[in-house]
Amino acid sequence: MPTATDRDFLDMRVSDVRRIVHSGQGQDHYVVLLQETGSDRRLPIWIGHEHALELALRLLGHSSQLPRPLTSDLSAHLVQALRGTVREVRIDRLTEGTYYAVIMVDGPYGATEVDARPSDALALALVVGASIRADRAVVETTESDETVAEALATIDSQRAAGPQAILDELSEEAQRQDPPEPATS
C-alpha cells in the first residue's frame, strides 16, 4: 500500500450538507459534500443525523451562538491545550463503501496522524480552519459509482434539504417534544 506521501491528494472544501429523501424507503440519508478547489468535482460522504446538524450549524455560522461547545469545539480545545495544531484533514481511503479520514496534527513531539470518522474530522477542520484534502483515487472511485451519481442527481435537482432546512427540522422537532406552556389568565 502506498504511503501518504506517495499518494496524490486534492484540495477540497466543505461546500454543503444535505438530507436526501428516499421515497418508499422510509429513511432519509445525510450527505456532506466536499468540492475540489477551483473545480466542479464533488465528493459526497454519507454521515449521521447528528453530524449533519453540527456541520449545518458550522456552515451557517450559528455554532458560536450555542450555549455549550460542540464536540468539534472540544476536540479543537484539547489539541490546543496539548500545544498542538491541526495541520490538515485527509479523506484517505474508501473500503467497502466506508470512507476513512485522518487528522494531521503537529505537536511538541512531532507530527501525528489521528484516525477519525470523516464527519468528525471535517467538523474539526471547519473549527480550526485546517486544510481538507481527499485522495485522488478515492474521488475517482466515487465518481464512477452509480449510487453516488444518483445522490448527486437528487442533490442537483433540489429534492434534497440543505443546511437551513436541516436546522429548521431540528427546531420543529424540539417544539413538538417540548410544547409551550398554555397561557393562564
C-alpha atoms as a PDB file:
ATOM      1  CA  MET A   1       0.000   0.000   0.000  1.00  0.00           C
ATOM      2  CA  PRO A   2       1.409   3.418  -0.890  1.00  0.00           C
ATOM      3  CA  THR A   3       2.370   5.742   1.908  1.00  0.00           C
ATOM      4  CA  ALA A   4       0.572   9.042   2.358  1.00  0.00           C
ATOM      5  CA  THR A   5       3.480  10.896   0.784  1.00  0.00           C
ATOM      6  CA  ASP A   6       3.272   8.711  -2.364  1.00  0.00           C
ATOM      7  CA  ARG A   7      -0.394   9.496  -2.907  1.00  0.00           C
ATOM      8  CA  ASP A   8      -1.954  12.385  -4.747  1.00  0.00           C
ATOM      9  CA  PHE A   9      -4.321  14.469  -2.614  1.00  0.00           C
ATOM     10  CA  LEU A  10      -6.787  17.033  -3.949  1.00  0.00           C
ATOM     11  CA  ASP A  11      -7.580  20.259  -2.091  1.00  0.00           C
ATOM     12  CA  MET A  12     -11.244  20.229  -1.073  1.00  0.00           C
ATOM     13  CA  ARG A  13     -13.672  22.325   0.930  1.00  0.00           C
ATOM     14  CA  VAL A  14     -16.959  21.559   2.663  1.00  0.00           C
ATOM     15  CA  SER A  15     -19.484  23.054   0.251  1.00  0.00           C
ATOM     16  CA  ASP A  16     -22.790  21.753   1.599  1.00  0.00           C
ATOM     17  CA  VAL A  17     -24.634  19.309   3.827  1.00  0.00           C
ATOM     18  CA  ARG A  18     -27.895  17.793   2.623  1.00  0.00           C
ATOM     19  CA  ARG A  19     -30.709  15.465   3.605  1.00  0.00           C
ATOM     20  CA  ILE A  20     -31.742  13.162   0.799  1.00  0.00           C
ATOM     21  CA  VAL A  21     -35.278  11.806   0.965  1.00  0.00           C
ATOM     22  CA  HIS A  22     -35.642   8.323  -0.455  1.00  0.00           C
ATOM     23  CA  SER A  23     -39.298   7.843  -1.318  1.00  0.00           C
ATOM     24  CA  GLY A  24     -40.570   4.393  -0.421  1.00  0.00           C
ATOM     25  CA  GLN A  25     -37.562   3.526   1.724  1.00  0.00           C
ATOM     26  CA  GLY A  26     -38.810   5.279   4.859  1.00  0.00           C
ATOM     27  CA  GLN A  27     -35.367   6.567   5.739  1.00  0.00           C
ATOM     28  CA  ASP A  28     -33.578   9.787   4.947  1.00  0.00           C
ATOM     29  CA  HIS A  29     -29.842   9.983   4.439  1.00  0.00           C
ATOM     30  CA  TYR A  30     -27.482  12.845   5.180  1.00  0.00           C
ATOM     31  CA  VAL A  31     -24.584  13.770   2.946  1.00  0.00           C
ATOM     32  CA  VAL A  32     -21.732  16.222   3.366  1.00  0.00           C
ATOM     33  CA  LEU A  33     -20.424  17.477   0.052  1.00  0.00           C
ATOM     34  CA  LEU A  34     -16.777  18.239  -0.485  1.00  0.00           C
ATOM     35  CA  GLN A  35     -15.861  20.225  -3.573  1.00  0.00           C
ATOM     36  CA  GLU A  36     -12.441  20.335  -5.146  1.00  0.00           C
ATOM     37  CA  THR A  37     -10.933  23.811  -5.020  1.00  0.00           C
ATOM     38  CA  GLY A  38     -11.214  25.507  -8.413  1.00  0.00           C
ATOM     39  CA  SER A  39     -13.305  22.679  -9.884  1.00  0.00           C
ATOM     40  CA  ASP A  40     -16.856  21.337 -10.085  1.00  0.00           C
ATOM     41  CA  ARG A  41     -15.671  17.922  -8.902  1.00  0.00           C
ATOM     42  CA  ARG A  42     -17.530  16.810  -5.764  1.00  0.00           C
ATOM     43  CA  LEU A  43     -17.158  14.048  -3.202  1.00  0.00           C
ATOM     44  CA  PRO A  44     -20.345  13.144  -1.300  1.00  0.00           C
ATOM     45  CA  ILE A  45     -19.843  11.396   2.043  1.00  0.00           C
ATOM     46  CA  TRP A  46     -22.786   9.867   3.880  1.00  0.00           C
ATOM     47  CA  ILE A  47     -22.965  10.912   7.533  1.00  0.00           C
ATOM     48  CA  GLY A  48     -25.271  10.567  10.520  1.00  0.00           C
ATOM     49  CA  HIS A  49     -28.057  12.937  11.513  1.00  0.00           C
ATOM     50  CA  GLU A  50     -26.156  14.446  14.468  1.00  0.00           C
ATOM     51  CA  HIS A  51     -23.090  15.162  12.356  1.00  0.00           C
ATOM     52  CA  ALA A  52     -25.288  16.723   9.674  1.00  0.00           C
ATOM     53  CA  LEU A  53     -26.721  19.075  12.306  1.00  0.00           C
ATOM     54  CA  GLU A  54     -23.270  20.051  13.540  1.00  0.00           C
ATOM     55  CA  LEU A  55     -21.978  20.702  10.016  1.00  0.00           C
ATOM     56  CA  ALA A  56     -25.137  22.673   9.150  1.00  0.00           C
ATOM     57  CA  LEU A  57     -24.588  24.850  12.235  1.00  0.00           C
ATOM     58  CA  ARG A  58     -20.976  25.440  11.198  1.00  0.00           C
ATOM     59  CA  LEU A  59     -21.776  26.190   7.547  1.00  0.00           C
ATOM     60  CA  LEU A  60     -24.461  28.699   8.523  1.00  0.00           C
ATOM     61  CA  GLY A  61     -22.286  30.344  11.191  1.00  0.00           C
ATOM     62  CA  HIS A  62     -24.600  29.506  14.109  1.00  0.00           C
ATOM     63  CA  SER A  63     -22.192  27.422  16.183  1.00  0.00           C
ATOM     64  CA  SER A  64     -20.814  30.439  18.075  1.00  0.00           C
ATOM     65  CA  GLN A  65     -24.332  31.257  19.298  1.00  0.00           C
ATOM     66  CA  LEU A  66     -24.751  27.979  21.169  1.00  0.00           C
ATOM     67  CA  PRO A  67     -24.650  27.997  24.978  1.00  0.00           C
ATOM     68  CA  ARG A  68     -22.387  24.915  25.117  1.00  0.00           C
ATOM     69  CA  PRO A  69     -19.489  23.806  22.916  1.00  0.00           C
ATOM     70  CA  LEU A  70     -19.994  21.174  20.236  1.00  0.00           C
ATOM     71  CA  THR A  71     -17.851  18.043  20.104  1.00  0.00           C
ATOM     72  CA  SER A  72     -15.595  19.573  17.463  1.00  0.00           C
ATOM     73  CA  ASP A  73     -15.044  22.604  19.712  1.00  0.00           C
ATOM     74  CA  LEU A  74     -13.982  20.247  22.495  1.00  0.00           C
ATOM     75  CA  SER A  75     -11.598  18.442  20.152  1.00  0.00           C
ATOM     76  CA  ALA A  76     -10.079  21.732  18.998  1.00  0.00           C
ATOM     77  CA  HIS A  77      -9.614  22.905  22.588  1.00  0.00           C
ATOM     78  CA  LEU A  78      -7.965  19.598  23.566  1.00  0.00           C
ATOM     79  CA  VAL A  79      -5.490  19.790  20.682  1.00  0.00           C
ATOM     80  CA  GLN A  80      -4.729  23.393  21.593  1.00  0.00           C
ATOM     81  CA  ALA A  81      -4.363  22.562  25.321  1.00  0.00           C
ATOM     82  CA  LEU A  82      -1.794  19.926  24.394  1.00  0.00           C
ATOM     83  CA  ARG A  83       0.096  22.572  22.392  1.00  0.00           C
ATOM     84  CA  GLY A  84      -0.766  21.035  19.058  1.00  0.00           C
ATOM     85  CA  THR A  85      -2.234  22.331  15.835  1.00  0.00           C
ATOM     86  CA  VAL A  86      -4.409  20.601  13.299  1.00  0.00           C
ATOM     87  CA  ARG A  87      -2.478  20.909  10.040  1.00  0.00           C
ATOM     88  CA  GLU A  88      -4.974  19.210   7.735  1.00  0.00           C
ATOM     89  CA  VAL A  89      -7.708  16.631   7.414  1.00  0.00           C
ATOM     90  CA  ARG A  90      -7.440  13.908   4.812  1.00  0.00           C
ATOM     91  CA  ILE A  91     -10.101  11.653   3.376  1.00  0.00           C
ATOM     92  CA  ASP A  92      -7.586   8.951   2.691  1.00  0.00           C
ATOM     93  CA  ARG A  93      -9.397   5.752   1.784  1.00  0.00           C
ATOM     94  CA  LEU A  94     -12.653   4.075   0.839  1.00  0.00           C
ATOM     95  CA  THR A  95     -13.152   0.470   1.901  1.00  0.00           C
ATOM     96  CA  GLU A  96     -16.359  -1.481   1.260  1.00  0.00           C
ATOM     97  CA  GLY A  97     -18.371   1.719   0.900  1.00  0.00           C
ATOM     98  CA  THR A  98     -16.976   3.347   4.049  1.00  0.00           C
ATOM     99  CA  TYR A  99     -14.844   6.487   3.920  1.00  0.00           C
ATOM    100  CA  TYR A 100     -11.931   6.886   6.321  1.00  0.00           C
ATOM    101  CA  ALA A 101     -10.136  10.021   7.422  1.00  0.00           C
ATOM    102  CA  VAL A 102      -7.032  11.042   9.298  1.00  0.00           C
ATOM    103  CA  ILE A 103      -6.340  14.279  11.103  1.00  0.00           C
ATOM    104  CA  MET A 104      -2.761  15.509  10.686  1.00  0.00           C
ATOM    105  CA  VAL A 105      -1.690  17.058  13.997  1.00  0.00           C
ATOM    106  CA  ASP A 106       1.587  18.853  14.660  1.00  0.00           C
ATOM    107  CA  GLY A 107       2.553  18.799  18.322  1.00  0.00           C
ATOM    108  CA  PRO A 108       5.508  19.285  20.630  1.00  0.00           C
ATOM    109  CA  TYR A 109       6.741  15.764  19.813  1.00  0.00           C
ATOM    110  CA  GLY A 110       6.306  15.991  16.052  1.00  0.00           C
ATOM    111  CA  ALA A 111       3.623  15.147  13.516  1.00  0.00           C
ATOM    112  CA  THR A 112       0.938  12.574  14.240  1.00  0.00           C
ATOM    113  CA  GLU A 113      -1.865  11.041  12.179  1.00  0.00           C
ATOM    114  CA  VAL A 114      -5.069  10.528  14.145  1.00  0.00           C
ATOM    115  CA  ASP A 115      -7.674   8.138  12.726  1.00  0.00           C
ATOM    116  CA  ALA A 116     -11.153   9.704  12.592  1.00  0.00           C
ATOM    117  CA  ARG A 117     -14.582   9.447  11.059  1.00  0.00           C
ATOM    118  CA  PRO A 118     -14.793  11.860   8.122  1.00  0.00           C
ATOM    119  CA  SER A 119     -17.695  13.763   9.709  1.00  0.00           C
ATOM    120  CA  ASP A 120     -15.733  14.383  12.922  1.00  0.00           C
ATOM    121  CA  ALA A 121     -12.585  15.317  11.010  1.00  0.00           C
ATOM    122  CA  LEU A 122     -14.456  17.727   8.716  1.00  0.00           C
ATOM    123  CA  ALA A 123     -16.213  19.456  11.626  1.00  0.00           C
ATOM    124  CA  LEU A 124     -12.854  19.890  13.359  1.00  0.00           C
ATOM    125  CA  ALA A 125     -11.316  21.300  10.168  1.00  0.00           C
ATOM    126  CA  LEU A 126     -14.124  23.868   9.999  1.00  0.00           C
ATOM    127  CA  VAL A 127     -13.493  24.893  13.629  1.00  0.00           C
ATOM    128  CA  VAL A 128      -9.740  25.394  13.281  1.00  0.00           C
ATOM    129  CA  GLY A 129      -9.577  26.415   9.619  1.00  0.00           C
ATOM    130  CA  ALA A 130      -7.450  23.410   8.623  1.00  0.00           C
ATOM    131  CA  SER A 131      -7.000  22.300   5.035  1.00  0.00           C
ATOM    132  CA  ILE A 132      -9.177  19.475   3.770  1.00  0.00           C
ATOM    133  CA  ARG A 133      -7.753  17.062   1.241  1.00  0.00           C
ATOM    134  CA  ALA A 134      -9.014  13.888  -0.425  1.00  0.00           C
ATOM    135  CA  ASP A 135      -7.051  11.107  -2.045  1.00  0.00           C
ATOM    136  CA  ARG A 136      -7.446  11.411  -5.829  1.00  0.00           C
ATOM    137  CA  ALA A 137      -8.040   7.643  -6.125  1.00  0.00           C
ATOM    138  CA  VAL A 138     -10.932   7.854  -3.637  1.00  0.00           C
ATOM    139  CA  VAL A 139     -12.517  10.716  -5.575  1.00  0.00           C
ATOM    140  CA  GLU A 140     -12.111   8.905  -8.893  1.00  0.00           C
ATOM    141  CA  THR A 141     -13.545   5.656  -7.498  1.00  0.00           C
ATOM    142  CA  THR A 142     -16.513   7.548  -6.091  1.00  0.00           C
ATOM    143  CA  GLU A 143     -17.161   9.344  -9.388  1.00  0.00           C
ATOM    144  CA  SER A 144     -17.785   6.025 -11.147  1.00  0.00           C
ATOM    145  CA  ASP A 145     -20.250   4.718  -8.527  1.00  0.00           C
ATOM    146  CA  GLU A 146     -23.934   4.578  -9.596  1.00  0.00           C
ATOM    147  CA  THR A 147     -25.258   5.260  -6.092  1.00  0.00           C
ATOM    148  CA  VAL A 148     -23.120   8.381  -5.894  1.00  0.00           C
ATOM    149  CA  ALA A 149     -24.340   9.558  -9.296  1.00  0.00           C
ATOM    150  CA  GLU A 150     -27.965   9.112  -8.146  1.00  0.00           C
ATOM    151  CA  ALA A 151     -27.310  11.001  -4.906  1.00  0.00           C
ATOM    152  CA  LEU A 152     -25.678  13.891  -6.765  1.00  0.00           C
ATOM    153  CA  ALA A 153     -28.572  13.984  -9.237  1.00  0.00           C
ATOM    154  CA  THR A 154     -31.032  14.203  -6.334  1.00  0.00           C
ATOM    155  CA  ILE A 155     -28.992  16.978  -4.742  1.00  0.00           C
ATOM    156  CA  ASP A 156     -28.718  18.845  -8.038  1.00  0.00           C
ATOM    157  CA  SER A 157     -32.461  18.574  -8.656  1.00  0.00           C
ATOM    158  CA  GLN A 158     -33.079  20.403  -5.350  1.00  0.00           C
ATOM    159  CA  ARG A 159     -35.024  17.454  -3.898  1.00  0.00           C
ATOM    160  CA  ALA A 160     -32.550  17.446  -1.057  1.00  0.00           C
ATOM    161  CA  ALA A 161     -32.882  19.658   2.003  1.00  0.00           C
ATOM    162  CA  GLY A 162     -29.899  21.935   2.644  1.00  0.00           C
ATOM    163  CA  PRO A 163     -28.330  23.184   5.900  1.00  0.00           C
ATOM    164  CA  GLN A 164     -31.090  25.654   6.817  1.00  0.00           C
ATOM    165  CA  ALA A 165     -33.822  23.064   6.234  1.00  0.00           C
ATOM    166  CA  ILE A 166     -31.938  20.584   8.445  1.00  0.00           C
ATOM    167  CA  LEU A 167     -31.774  23.160  11.261  1.00  0.00           C
ATOM    168  CA  ASP A 168     -35.446  24.105  10.768  1.00  0.00           C
ATOM    169  CA  GLU A 169     -36.405  20.432  11.145  1.00  0.00           C
ATOM    170  CA  LEU A 170     -34.451  20.260  14.403  1.00  0.00           C
ATOM    171  CA  SER A 171     -36.276  23.324  15.696  1.00  0.00           C
ATOM    172  CA  GLU A 172     -39.676  21.878  14.725  1.00  0.00           C
ATOM    173  CA  GLU A 173     -38.801  18.561  16.386  1.00  0.00           C
ATOM    174  CA  ALA A 174     -37.763  20.358  19.578  1.00  0.00           C
ATOM    175  CA  GLN A 175     -41.032  22.290  19.643  1.00  0.00           C
ATOM    176  CA  ARG A 176     -43.052  19.068  19.246  1.00  0.00           C
ATOM    177  CA  GLN A 177     -41.162  17.447  22.128  1.00  0.00           C
ATOM    178  CA  ASP A 178     -41.379  20.475  24.404  1.00  0.00           C
ATOM    179  CA  PRO A 179     -44.604  22.336  23.609  1.00  0.00           C
ATOM    180  CA  PRO A 180     -45.016  25.818  25.109  1.00  0.00           C
ATOM    181  CA  GLU A 181     -46.877  26.129  28.392  1.00  0.00           C
ATOM    182  CA  PRO A 182     -50.520  27.139  27.965  1.00  0.00           C
ATOM    183  CA  ALA A 183     -51.257  30.745  28.874  1.00  0.00           C
ATOM    184  CA  THR A 184     -53.067  31.228  32.160  1.00  0.00           C
ATOM    185  CA  SER A 185     -55.406  34.070  32.929  1.00  0.00           C
END
